[in-house]
């Protein structure tokens, strides 16, 4: 009974015969799984902020570097590393006296 219902639903929804549905079923499942995995995972990012623009991370673990100005940084989840830019100290000028 359940199998018959599944076949009728396949014909109605997709327009496939039961044989075609059985043949394409594994392929469609694999494609659906691939879309689910690719669409559901936000990749971690390395973000370098720009002056005057809000900086946003992703829901994964990001590395976000601000500017030397005031920044608005939103990590948005994950195990983020948020820091200031590395600024080199001024170099000493040799005296010409």
PDB file of N, CA and C in Angstrom:
ATOM      1  N   UNK A   1       0.822  -1.194   0.000  1.00  0.00           N
ATOM      2  CA  UNK A   1       0.000   0.000   0.000  1.00  0.00           C
ATOM      3  C   UNK A   1       0.862   1.253   0.000  1.00  0.00           C
ATOM      4  N   UNK A   2       1.869   1.291   0.887  1.00  0.00           N
ATOM      5  CA  UNK A   2       2.744   2.459   0.978  1.00  0.00           C
ATOM      6  C   UNK A   2       3.551   2.640  -0.300  1.00  0.00           C
ATOM      7  N   UNK A   3       4.018   1.538  -0.875  1.00  0.00           N
ATOM      8  CA  UNK A   3       4.801   1.597  -2.101  1.00  0.00           C
ATOM      9  C   UNK A   3       3.943   2.112  -3.256  1.00  0.00           C
ATOM     10  N   UNK A   4       2.697   1.669  -3.319  1.00  0.00           N
ATOM     11  CA  UNK A   4       1.777   2.113  -4.361  1.00  0.00           C
ATOM     12  C   UNK A   4       1.520   3.613  -4.242  1.00  0.00           C
ATOM     13  N   UNK A   5       1.367   4.101  -3.025  1.00  0.00           N
ATOM     14  CA  UNK A   5       1.154   5.528  -2.793  1.00  0.00           C
ATOM     15  C   UNK A   5       2.373   6.326  -3.228  1.00  0.00           C
ATOM     16  N   UNK A   6       3.555   5.823  -2.917  1.00  0.00           N
ATOM     17  CA  UNK A   6       4.789   6.510  -3.305  1.00  0.00           C
ATOM     18  C   UNK A   6       4.902   6.593  -4.822  1.00  0.00           C
ATOM     19  N   UNK A   7       4.558   5.524  -5.512  1.00  0.00           N
ATOM     20  CA  UNK A   7       4.623   5.532  -6.968  1.00  0.00           C
ATOM     21  C   UNK A   7       3.630   6.522  -7.567  1.00  0.00           C
ATOM     22  N   UNK A   8       2.430   6.552  -7.022  1.00  0.00           N
ATOM     23  CA  UNK A   8       1.428   7.494  -7.533  1.00  0.00           C
ATOM     24  C   UNK A   8       1.847   8.940  -7.275  1.00  0.00           C
ATOM     25  N   UNK A   9       2.459   9.185  -6.114  1.00  0.00           N
ATOM     26  CA  UNK A   9       2.930  10.540  -5.816  1.00  0.00           C
ATOM     27  C   UNK A   9       4.048  10.936  -6.767  1.00  0.00           C
ATOM     28  N   UNK A  10       4.939   9.999  -7.080  1.00  0.00           N
ATOM     29  CA  UNK A  10       6.031  10.289  -8.011  1.00  0.00           C
ATOM     30  C   UNK A  10       5.485  10.669  -9.378  1.00  0.00           C
ATOM     31  N   UNK A  11       4.485   9.933  -9.847  1.00  0.00           N
ATOM     32  CA  UNK A  11       3.879  10.247 -11.137  1.00  0.00           C
ATOM     33  C   UNK A  11       3.205  11.615 -11.118  1.00  0.00           C
ATOM     34  N   UNK A  12       2.529  11.912 -10.012  1.00  0.00           N
ATOM     35  CA  UNK A  12       1.808  13.173  -9.907  1.00  0.00           C
ATOM     36  C   UNK A  12       2.747  14.362  -9.798  1.00  0.00           C
ATOM     37  N   UNK A  13       3.745  14.272  -8.909  1.00  0.00           N
ATOM     38  CA  UNK A  13       4.618  15.408  -8.634  1.00  0.00           C
ATOM     39  C   UNK A  13       5.632  15.626  -9.745  1.00  0.00           C
ATOM     40  N   UNK A  14       6.260  14.574 -10.211  1.00  0.00           N
ATOM     41  CA  UNK A  14       7.373  14.720 -11.143  1.00  0.00           C
ATOM     42  C   UNK A  14       6.994  14.339 -12.567  1.00  0.00           C
ATOM     43  N   UNK A  15       5.926  13.621 -12.731  1.00  0.00           N
ATOM     44  CA  UNK A  15       5.539  13.191 -14.066  1.00  0.00           C
ATOM     45  C   UNK A  15       6.353  12.012 -14.543  1.00  0.00           C
ATOM     46  N   UNK A  16       6.946  11.248 -13.638  1.00  0.00           N
ATOM     47  CA  UNK A  16       7.762  10.095 -14.005  1.00  0.00           C
ATOM     48  C   UNK A  16       6.973   8.818 -13.797  1.00  0.00           C
ATOM     49  N   UNK A  17       7.262   7.844 -14.630  1.00  0.00           N
ATOM     50  CA  UNK A  17       6.685   6.519 -14.394  1.00  0.00           C
ATOM     51  C   UNK A  17       7.405   5.905 -13.201  1.00  0.00           C
ATOM     52  N   UNK A  18       6.822   4.897 -12.586  1.00  0.00           N
ATOM     53  CA  UNK A  18       7.489   4.257 -11.437  1.00  0.00           C
ATOM     54  C   UNK A  18       8.888   3.746 -11.775  1.00  0.00           C
ATOM     55  N   UNK A  19       9.068   3.224 -12.996  1.00  0.00           N
ATOM     56  CA  UNK A  19      10.383   2.721 -13.403  1.00  0.00           C
ATOM     57  C   UNK A  19      11.406   3.862 -13.503  1.00  0.00           C
ATOM     58  N   UNK A  20      10.963   4.961 -14.098  1.00  0.00           N
ATOM     59  CA  UNK A  20      11.858   6.127 -14.216  1.00  0.00           C
ATOM     60  C   UNK A  20      12.202   6.690 -12.844  1.00  0.00           C
ATOM     61  N   UNK A  21      11.199   6.734 -11.977  1.00  0.00           N
ATOM     62  CA  UNK A  21      11.417   7.229 -10.621  1.00  0.00           C
ATOM     63  C   UNK A  21      12.419   6.362  -9.878  1.00  0.00           C
ATOM     64  N   UNK A  22      12.278   5.052 -10.000  1.00  0.00           N
ATOM     65  CA  UNK A  22      13.206   4.137  -9.331  1.00  0.00           C
ATOM     66  C   UNK A  22      14.623   4.321  -9.862  1.00  0.00           C
ATOM     67  N   UNK A  23      14.745   4.573 -11.147  1.00  0.00           N
ATOM     68  CA  UNK A  23      16.068   4.733 -11.766  1.00  0.00           C
ATOM     69  C   UNK A  23      16.703   6.064 -11.349  1.00  0.00           C
ATOM     70  N   UNK A  24      15.913   7.115 -11.260  1.00  0.00           N
ATOM     71  CA  UNK A  24      16.440   8.434 -10.917  1.00  0.00           C
ATOM     72  C   UNK A  24      16.502   8.698  -9.416  1.00  0.00           C
ATOM     73  N   UNK A  25      15.805   7.893  -8.630  1.00  0.00           N
ATOM     74  CA  UNK A  25      15.742   8.113  -7.189  1.00  0.00           C
ATOM     75  C   UNK A  25      17.090   8.314  -6.519  1.00  0.00           C
ATOM     76  N   UNK A  26      18.045   7.372  -6.693  1.00  0.00           N
ATOM     77  CA  UNK A  26      19.357   7.548  -6.050  1.00  0.00           C
ATOM     78  C   UNK A  26      20.087   8.811  -6.507  1.00  0.00           C
ATOM     79  N   UNK A  27      19.975   9.131  -7.791  1.00  0.00           N
ATOM     80  CA  UNK A  27      20.640  10.333  -8.308  1.00  0.00           C
ATOM     81  C   UNK A  27      20.029  11.580  -7.666  1.00  0.00           C
ATOM     82  N   UNK A  28      18.703  11.629  -7.601  1.00  0.00           N
ATOM     83  CA  UNK A  28      18.046  12.789  -6.999  1.00  0.00           C
ATOM     84  C   UNK A  28      18.372  12.913  -5.514  1.00  0.00           C
ATOM     85  N   UNK A  29      18.456  11.791  -4.815  1.00  0.00           N
ATOM     86  CA  UNK A  29      18.819  11.832  -3.396  1.00  0.00           C
ATOM     87  C   UNK A  29      20.224  12.385  -3.216  1.00  0.00           C
ATOM     88  N   UNK A  30      21.168  11.928  -4.051  1.00  0.00           N
ATOM     89  CA  UNK A  30      22.549  12.411  -3.953  1.00  0.00           C
ATOM     90  C   UNK A  30      22.627  13.911  -4.262  1.00  0.00           C
ATOM     91  N   UNK A  31      21.890  14.359  -5.274  1.00  0.00           N
ATOM     92  CA  UNK A  31      21.884  15.783  -5.608  1.00  0.00           C
ATOM     93  C   UNK A  31      21.284  16.598  -4.467  1.00  0.00           C
ATOM     94  N   UNK A  32      20.215  16.099  -3.882  1.00  0.00           N
ATOM     95  CA  UNK A  32      19.597  16.797  -2.756  1.00  0.00           C
ATOM     96  C   UNK A  32      20.539  16.885  -1.573  1.00  0.00           C
ATOM     97  N   UNK A  33      21.244  15.799  -1.294  1.00  0.00           N
ATOM     98  CA  UNK A  33      22.202  15.793  -0.201  1.00  0.00           C
ATOM     99  C   UNK A  33      23.336  16.785  -0.466  1.00  0.00           C
ATOM    100  N   UNK A  34      23.817  16.823  -1.703  1.00  0.00           N
ATOM    101  CA  UNK A  34      24.890  17.763  -2.047  1.00  0.00           C
ATOM    102  C   UNK A  34      24.429  19.204  -1.869  1.00  0.00           C
ATOM    103  N   UNK A  35      23.207  19.510  -2.281  1.00  0.00           N
ATOM    104  CA  UNK A  35      22.675  20.867  -2.106  1.00  0.00           C
ATOM    105  C   UNK A  35      22.513  21.203  -0.637  1.00  0.00           C
ATOM    106  N   UNK A  36      22.066  20.242   0.139  1.00  0.00           N
ATOM    107  CA  UNK A  36      21.884  20.475   1.567  1.00  0.00           C
ATOM    108  C   UNK A  36      23.219  20.776   2.237  1.00  0.00           C
ATOM    109  N   UNK A  37      24.237  20.012   1.909  1.00  0.00           N
ATOM    110  CA  UNK A  37      25.552  20.209   2.513  1.00  0.00           C
ATOM    111  C   UNK A  37      26.158  21.533   2.065  1.00  0.00           C
ATOM    112  N   UNK A  38      26.091  21.814   0.777  1.00  0.00           N
ATOM    113  CA  UNK A  38      26.699  23.047   0.258  1.00  0.00           C
ATOM    114  C   UNK A  38      25.947  24.287   0.722  1.00  0.00           C
ATOM    115  N   UNK A  39      24.645  24.227   0.779  1.00  0.00           N
ATOM    116  CA  UNK A  39      23.858  25.394   1.151  1.00  0.00           C
ATOM    117  C   UNK A  39      23.800  25.637   2.638  1.00  0.00           C
ATOM    118  N   UNK A  40      23.988  24.597   3.431  1.00  0.00           N
ATOM    119  CA  UNK A  40      23.844  24.740   4.871  1.00  0.00           C
ATOM    120  C   UNK A  40      25.117  25.083   5.608  1.00  0.00           C
ATOM    121  N   UNK A  41      26.231  25.082   4.916  1.00  0.00           N
ATOM    122  CA  UNK A  41      27.509  25.324   5.575  1.00  0.00           C
ATOM    123  C   UNK A  41      28.045  26.682   5.130  1.00  0.00           C
ATOM    124  N   UNK A  42      28.233  27.569   6.075  1.00  0.00           N
ATOM    125  CA  UNK A  42      28.861  28.848   5.766  1.00  0.00           C
ATOM    126  C   UNK A  42      30.364  28.675   5.954  1.00  0.00           C
ATOM    127  N   UNK A  43      31.111  28.987   4.942  1.00  0.00           N
ATOM    128  CA  UNK A  43      32.552  28.828   5.028  1.00  0.00           C
ATOM    129  C   UNK A  43      33.153  29.948   5.855  1.00  0.00           C
ATOM    130  N   UNK A  44      34.171  29.603   6.627  1.00  0.00           N
ATOM    131  CA  UNK A  44      34.863  30.603   7.425  1.00  0.00           C
ATOM    132  C   UNK A  44      35.530  31.613   6.495  1.00  0.00           C
ATOM    133  N   UNK A  45      35.646  32.841   6.967  1.00  0.00           N
ATOM    134  CA  UNK A  45      36.199  33.898   6.128  1.00  0.00           C
ATOM    135  C   UNK A  45      37.332  34.612   6.850  1.00  0.00           C
ATOM    136  N   UNK A  46      38.213  35.190   6.066  1.00  0.00           N
ATOM    137  CA  UNK A  46      39.206  36.115   6.583  1.00  0.00           C
ATOM    138  C   UNK A  46      38.756  37.481   6.090  1.00  0.00           C
ATOM    139  N   UNK A  47      38.356  38.342   7.036  1.00  0.00           N
ATOM    140  CA  UNK A  47      37.762  39.630   6.684  1.00  0.00           C
ATOM    141  C   UNK A  47      38.682  40.752   7.140  1.00  0.00           C
ATOM    142  N   UNK A  48      38.991  41.665   6.240  1.00  0.00           N
ATOM    143  CA  UNK A  48      39.743  42.870   6.578  1.00  0.00           C
ATOM    144  C   UNK A  48      38.789  44.044   6.407  1.00  0.00           C
ATOM    145  N   UNK A  49      38.511  44.714   7.522  1.00  0.00           N
ATOM    146  CA  UNK A  49      37.541  45.814   7.505  1.00  0.00           C
ATOM    147  C   UNK A  49      38.068  47.011   6.728  1.00  0.00           C
ATOM    148  N   UNK A  50      37.137  47.833   6.261  1.00  0.00           N
ATOM    149  CA  UNK A  50      37.463  49.087   5.589  1.00  0.00           C
ATOM    150  C   UNK A  50      36.866  50.221   6.419  1.00  0.00           C
ATOM    151  N   UNK A  51      37.520  51.359   6.434  1.00  0.00           N
ATOM    152  CA  UNK A  51      37.072  52.502   7.221  1.00  0.00           C
ATOM    153  C   UNK A  51      35.679  52.928   6.767  1.00  0.00           C
ATOM    154  N   UNK A  52      34.769  53.089   7.735  1.00  0.00           N
ATOM    155  CA  UNK A  52      33.429  53.580   7.454  1.00  0.00           C
ATOM    156  C   UNK A  52      32.453  52.537   6.959  1.00  0.00           C
ATOM    157  N   UNK A  53      32.865  51.282   6.882  1.00  0.00           N
ATOM    158  CA  UNK A  53      31.991  50.209   6.404  1.00  0.00           C
ATOM    159  C   UNK A  53      31.870  49.176   7.513  1.00  0.00           C
ATOM    160  N   UNK A  54      30.620  48.777   7.845  1.00  0.00           N
ATOM    161  CA  UNK A  54      30.423  47.756   8.881  1.00  0.00           C
ATOM    162  C   UNK A  54      31.033  46.440   8.422  1.00  0.00           C
ATOM    163  N   UNK A  55      31.704  45.766   9.332  1.00  0.00           N
ATOM    164  CA  UNK A  55      32.384  44.496   9.039  1.00  0.00           C
ATOM    165  C   UNK A  55      31.556  43.351   9.599  1.00  0.00           C
ATOM    166  N   UNK A  56      31.195  42.399   8.757  1.00  0.00           N
ATOM    167  CA  UNK A  56      30.428  41.239   9.195  1.00  0.00           C
ATOM    168  C   UNK A  56      31.187  39.967   8.885  1.00  0.00           C
ATOM    169  N   UNK A  57      31.133  39.028   9.843  1.00  0.00           N
ATOM    170  CA  UNK A  57      31.697  37.708   9.623  1.00  0.00           C
ATOM    171  C   UNK A  57      30.614  36.780   9.101  1.00  0.00           C
ATOM    172  N   UNK A  58      30.835  35.479   9.293  1.00  0.00           N
ATOM    173  CA  UNK A  58      29.856  34.466   8.925  1.00  0.00           C
ATOM    174  C   UNK A  58      29.457  33.727  10.196  1.00  0.00           C
ATOM    175  N   UNK A  59      28.670  32.675  10.065  1.00  0.00           N
ATOM    176  CA  UNK A  59      28.301  31.894  11.240  1.00  0.00           C
ATOM    177  C   UNK A  59      29.379  30.872  11.593  1.00  0.00           C
ATOM    178  N   UNK A  60      30.454  30.820  10.821  1.00  0.00           N
ATOM    179  CA  UNK A  60      31.580  29.925  11.110  1.00  0.00           C
ATOM    180  C   UNK A  60      32.691  30.696  11.809  1.00  0.00           C
ATOM    181  N   UNK A  61      33.799  30.017  12.086  1.00  0.00           N
ATOM    182  CA  UNK A  61      34.943  30.645  12.751  1.00  0.00           C
ATOM    183  C   UNK A  61      35.683  31.540  11.755  1.00  0.00           C
ATOM    184  N   UNK A  62      35.640  32.842  11.986  1.00  0.00           N
ATOM    185  CA  UNK A  62      36.268  33.811  11.078  1.00  0.00           C
ATOM    186  C   UNK A  62      37.440  34.499  11.757  1.00  0.00           C
ATOM    187  N   UNK A  63      38.298  35.076  10.935  1.00  0.00           N
ATOM    188  CA  UNK A  63      39.348  35.965  11.413  1.00  0.00           C
ATOM    189  C   UNK A  63      39.021  37.342  10.854  1.00  0.00           C
ATOM    190  N   UNK A  64      38.708  38.285  11.745  1.00  0.00           N
ATOM    191  CA  UNK A  64      38.292  39.622  11.328  1.00  0.00           C
ATOM    192  C   UNK A  64      39.285  40.633  11.878  1.00  0.00           C
ATOM    193  N   UNK A  65      39.831  41.458  10.995  1.00  0.00           N
ATOM    194  CA  UNK A  65      40.794  42.482  11.393  1.00  0.00           C
ATOM    195  C   UNK A  65      40.196  43.850  11.130  1.00  0.00           C
ATOM    196  N   UNK A  66      40.157  44.672  12.181  1.00  0.00           N
ATOM    197  CA  UNK A  66      39.626  46.027  12.065  1.00  0.00           C
ATOM    198  C   UNK A  66      40.624  46.970  11.414  1.00  0.00           C
ATOM    199  N   UNK A  67      40.287  48.263  11.472  1.00  0.00           N
ATOM    200  CA  UNK A  67      41.176  49.298  10.951  1.00  0.00           C
ATOM    201  C   UNK A  67      41.737  50.079  12.134  1.00  0.00           C
ATOM    202  N   UNK A  68      42.504  51.105  11.867  1.00  0.00           N
ATOM    203  CA  UNK A  68      43.015  51.958  12.942  1.00  0.00           C
ATOM    204  C   UNK A  68      41.975  52.983  13.370  1.00  0.00           C
ATOM    205  N   UNK A  69      40.820  53.026  12.692  1.00  0.00           N
ATOM    206  CA  UNK A  69      39.717  53.915  13.055  1.00  0.00           C
ATOM    207  C   UNK A  69      38.712  53.149  13.907  1.00  0.00           C
ATOM    208  N   UNK A  70      37.612  53.826  14.289  1.00  0.00           N
ATOM    209  CA  UNK A  70      36.532  53.152  14.992  1.00  0.00           C
ATOM    210  C   UNK A  70      35.780  52.269  14.005  1.00  0.00           C
ATOM    211  N   UNK A  71      35.572  50.997  14.362  1.00  0.00           N
ATOM    212  CA  UNK A  71      34.910  50.050  13.472  1.00  0.00           C
ATOM    213  C   UNK A  71      33.670  49.462  14.138  1.00  0.00           C
ATOM    214  N   UNK A  72      32.711  49.053  13.316  1.00  0.00           N
ATOM    215  CA  UNK A  72      31.587  48.254  13.776  1.00  0.00           C
ATOM    216  C   UNK A  72      31.820  46.859  13.227  1.00  0.00           C
ATOM    217  N   UNK A  73      32.082  45.905  14.128  1.00  0.00           N
ATOM    218  CA  UNK A  73      32.399  44.537  13.725  1.00  0.00           C
ATOM    219  C   UNK A  73      31.373  43.595  14.340  1.00  0.00           C
ATOM    220  N   UNK A  74      30.758  42.775  13.504  1.00  0.00           N
ATOM    221  CA  UNK A  74      29.808  41.763  13.959  1.00  0.00           C
ATOM    222  C   UNK A  74      30.325  40.400  13.534  1.00  0.00           C
ATOM    223  N   UNK A  75      30.682  39.575  14.513  1.00  0.00           N
ATOM    224  CA  UNK A  75      31.208  38.253  14.209  1.00  0.00           C
ATOM    225  C   UNK A  75      30.144  37.303  13.674  1.00  0.00           C
ATOM    226  N   UNK A  76      28.903  37.432  14.113  1.00  0.00           N
ATOM    227  CA  UNK A  76      27.748  36.644  13.673  1.00  0.00           C
ATOM    228  C   UNK A  76      27.826  35.168  14.041  1.00  0.00           C
ATOM    229  N   UNK A  77      28.604  34.787  15.020  1.00  0.00           N
ATOM    230  CA  UNK A  77      28.632  33.396  15.476  1.00  0.00           C
ATOM    231  C   UNK A  77      29.921  32.701  15.099  1.00  0.00           C
ATOM    232  N   UNK A  78      30.070  31.498  15.601  1.00  0.00           N
ATOM    233  CA  UNK A  78      31.300  30.754  15.352  1.00  0.00           C
ATOM    234  C   UNK A  78      32.369  31.185  16.335  1.00  0.00           C
ATOM    235  N   UNK A  79      33.498  30.545  16.285  1.00  0.00           N
ATOM    236  CA  UNK A  79      34.618  30.849  17.168  1.00  0.00           C
ATOM    237  C   UNK A  79      35.516  31.865  16.465  1.00  0.00           C
ATOM    238  N   UNK A  80      35.072  33.129  16.453  1.00  0.00           N
ATOM    239  CA  UNK A  80      35.760  34.181  15.697  1.00  0.00           C
ATOM    240  C   UNK A  80      36.985  34.708  16.433  1.00  0.00           C
ATOM    241  N   UNK A  81      37.940  35.163  15.640  1.00  0.00           N
ATOM    242  CA  UNK A  81      39.086  35.906  16.152  1.00  0.00           C
ATOM    243  C   UNK A  81      38.947  37.313  15.589  1.00  0.00           C
ATOM    244  N   UNK A  82      38.759  38.289  16.493  1.00  0.00           N
ATOM    245  CA  UNK A  82      38.573  39.678  16.070  1.00  0.00           C
ATOM    246  C   UNK A  82      39.701  40.491  16.671  1.00  0.00           C
ATOM    247  N   UNK A  83      40.408  41.236  15.834  1.00  0.00           N
ATOM    248  CA  UNK A  83      41.537  41.989  16.345  1.00  0.00           C
ATOM    249  C   UNK A  83      41.791  43.270  15.586  1.00  0.00           C
ATOM    250  N   UNK A  84      42.771  43.998  16.104  1.00  0.00           N
ATOM    251  CA  UNK A  84      43.191  45.254  15.494  1.00  0.00           C
ATOM    252  C   UNK A  84      44.302  44.954  14.491  1.00  0.00           C
ATOM    253  N   UNK A  85      44.508  45.869  13.547  1.00  0.00           N
ATOM    254  CA  UNK A  85      45.584  45.640  12.584  1.00  0.00           C
ATOM    255  C   UNK A  85      46.945  45.743  13.259  1.00  0.00           C
ATOM    256  N   UNK A  86      47.900  45.057  12.694  1.00  0.00           N
ATOM    257  CA  UNK A  86      49.262  45.154  13.192  1.00  0.00           C
ATOM    258  C   UNK A  86      49.866  46.435  12.637  1.00  0.00           C
ATOM    259  N   UNK A  87      50.272  47.318  13.548  1.00  0.00           N
ATOM    260  CA  UNK A  87      50.845  48.602  13.128  1.00  0.00           C
ATOM    261  C   UNK A  87      52.295  48.620  13.569  1.00  0.00           C
ATOM    262  N   UNK A  88      53.155  48.877  12.624  1.00  0.00           N
ATOM    263  CA  UNK A  88      54.576  48.940  12.949  1.00  0.00           C
ATOM    264  C   UNK A  88      54.881  50.231  13.697  1.00  0.00           C
ATOM    265  N   UNK A  89      55.748  50.167  14.726  1.00  0.00           N
ATOM    266  CA  UNK A  89      56.112  51.397  15.412  1.00  0.00           C
ATOM    267  C   UNK A  89      56.895  52.301  14.469  1.00  0.00           C
ATOM    268  N   UNK A  90      56.841  53.606  14.721  1.00  0.00           N
ATOM    269  CA  UNK A  90      57.583  54.520  13.844  1.00  0.00           C
ATOM    270  C   UNK A  90      59.088  54.217  13.932  1.00  0.00           C
ATOM    271  N   UNK A  91      59.725  54.349  12.812  1.00  0.00           N
ATOM    272  CA  UNK A  91      61.174  54.100  12.806  1.00  0.00           C
ATOM    273  C   UNK A  91      61.881  55.357  13.265  1.00  0.00           C
ATOM    274  N   UNK A  92      62.952  55.166  13.991  1.00  0.00           N
ATOM    275  CA  UNK A  92      63.737  56.304  14.501  1.00  0.00           C
ATOM    276  C   UNK A  92      64.539  56.899  13.370  1.00  0.00           C
ATOM    277  N   UNK A  93      64.503  58.219  13.311  1.00  0.00           N
ATOM    278  CA  UNK A  93      65.296  58.923  12.290  1.00  0.00           C
ATOM    279  C   UNK A  93      66.665  59.262  12.903  1.00  0.00           C
ATOM    280  N   UNK A  94      67.688  59.050  12.157  1.00  0.00           N
ATOM    281  CA  UNK A  94      69.028  59.392  12.651  1.00  0.00           C
ATOM    282  C   UNK A  94      69.164  60.905  12.693  1.00  0.00           C
ATOM    283  N   UNK A  95      69.732  61.384  13.772  1.00  0.00           N
ATOM    284  CA  UNK A  95      69.932  62.833  13.934  1.00  0.00           C
ATOM    285  C   UNK A  95      71.083  63.276  13.055  1.00  0.00           C
ATOM    286  N   UNK A  96      70.910  64.462  12.438  1.00  0.00           N
ATOM    287  CA  UNK A  96      71.966  64.990  11.564  1.00  0.00           C
ATOM    288  C   UNK A  96      72.711  66.123  12.238  1.00  0.00           C
ATOM    289  N   UNK A  97      72.618  66.233  13.560  1.00  0.00           N
ATOM    290  CA  UNK A  97      73.298  67.341  14.241  1.00  0.00           C
ATOM    291  C   UNK A  97      74.744  67.076  14.389  1.00  0.00           C
TER     292      UNK A  97
END
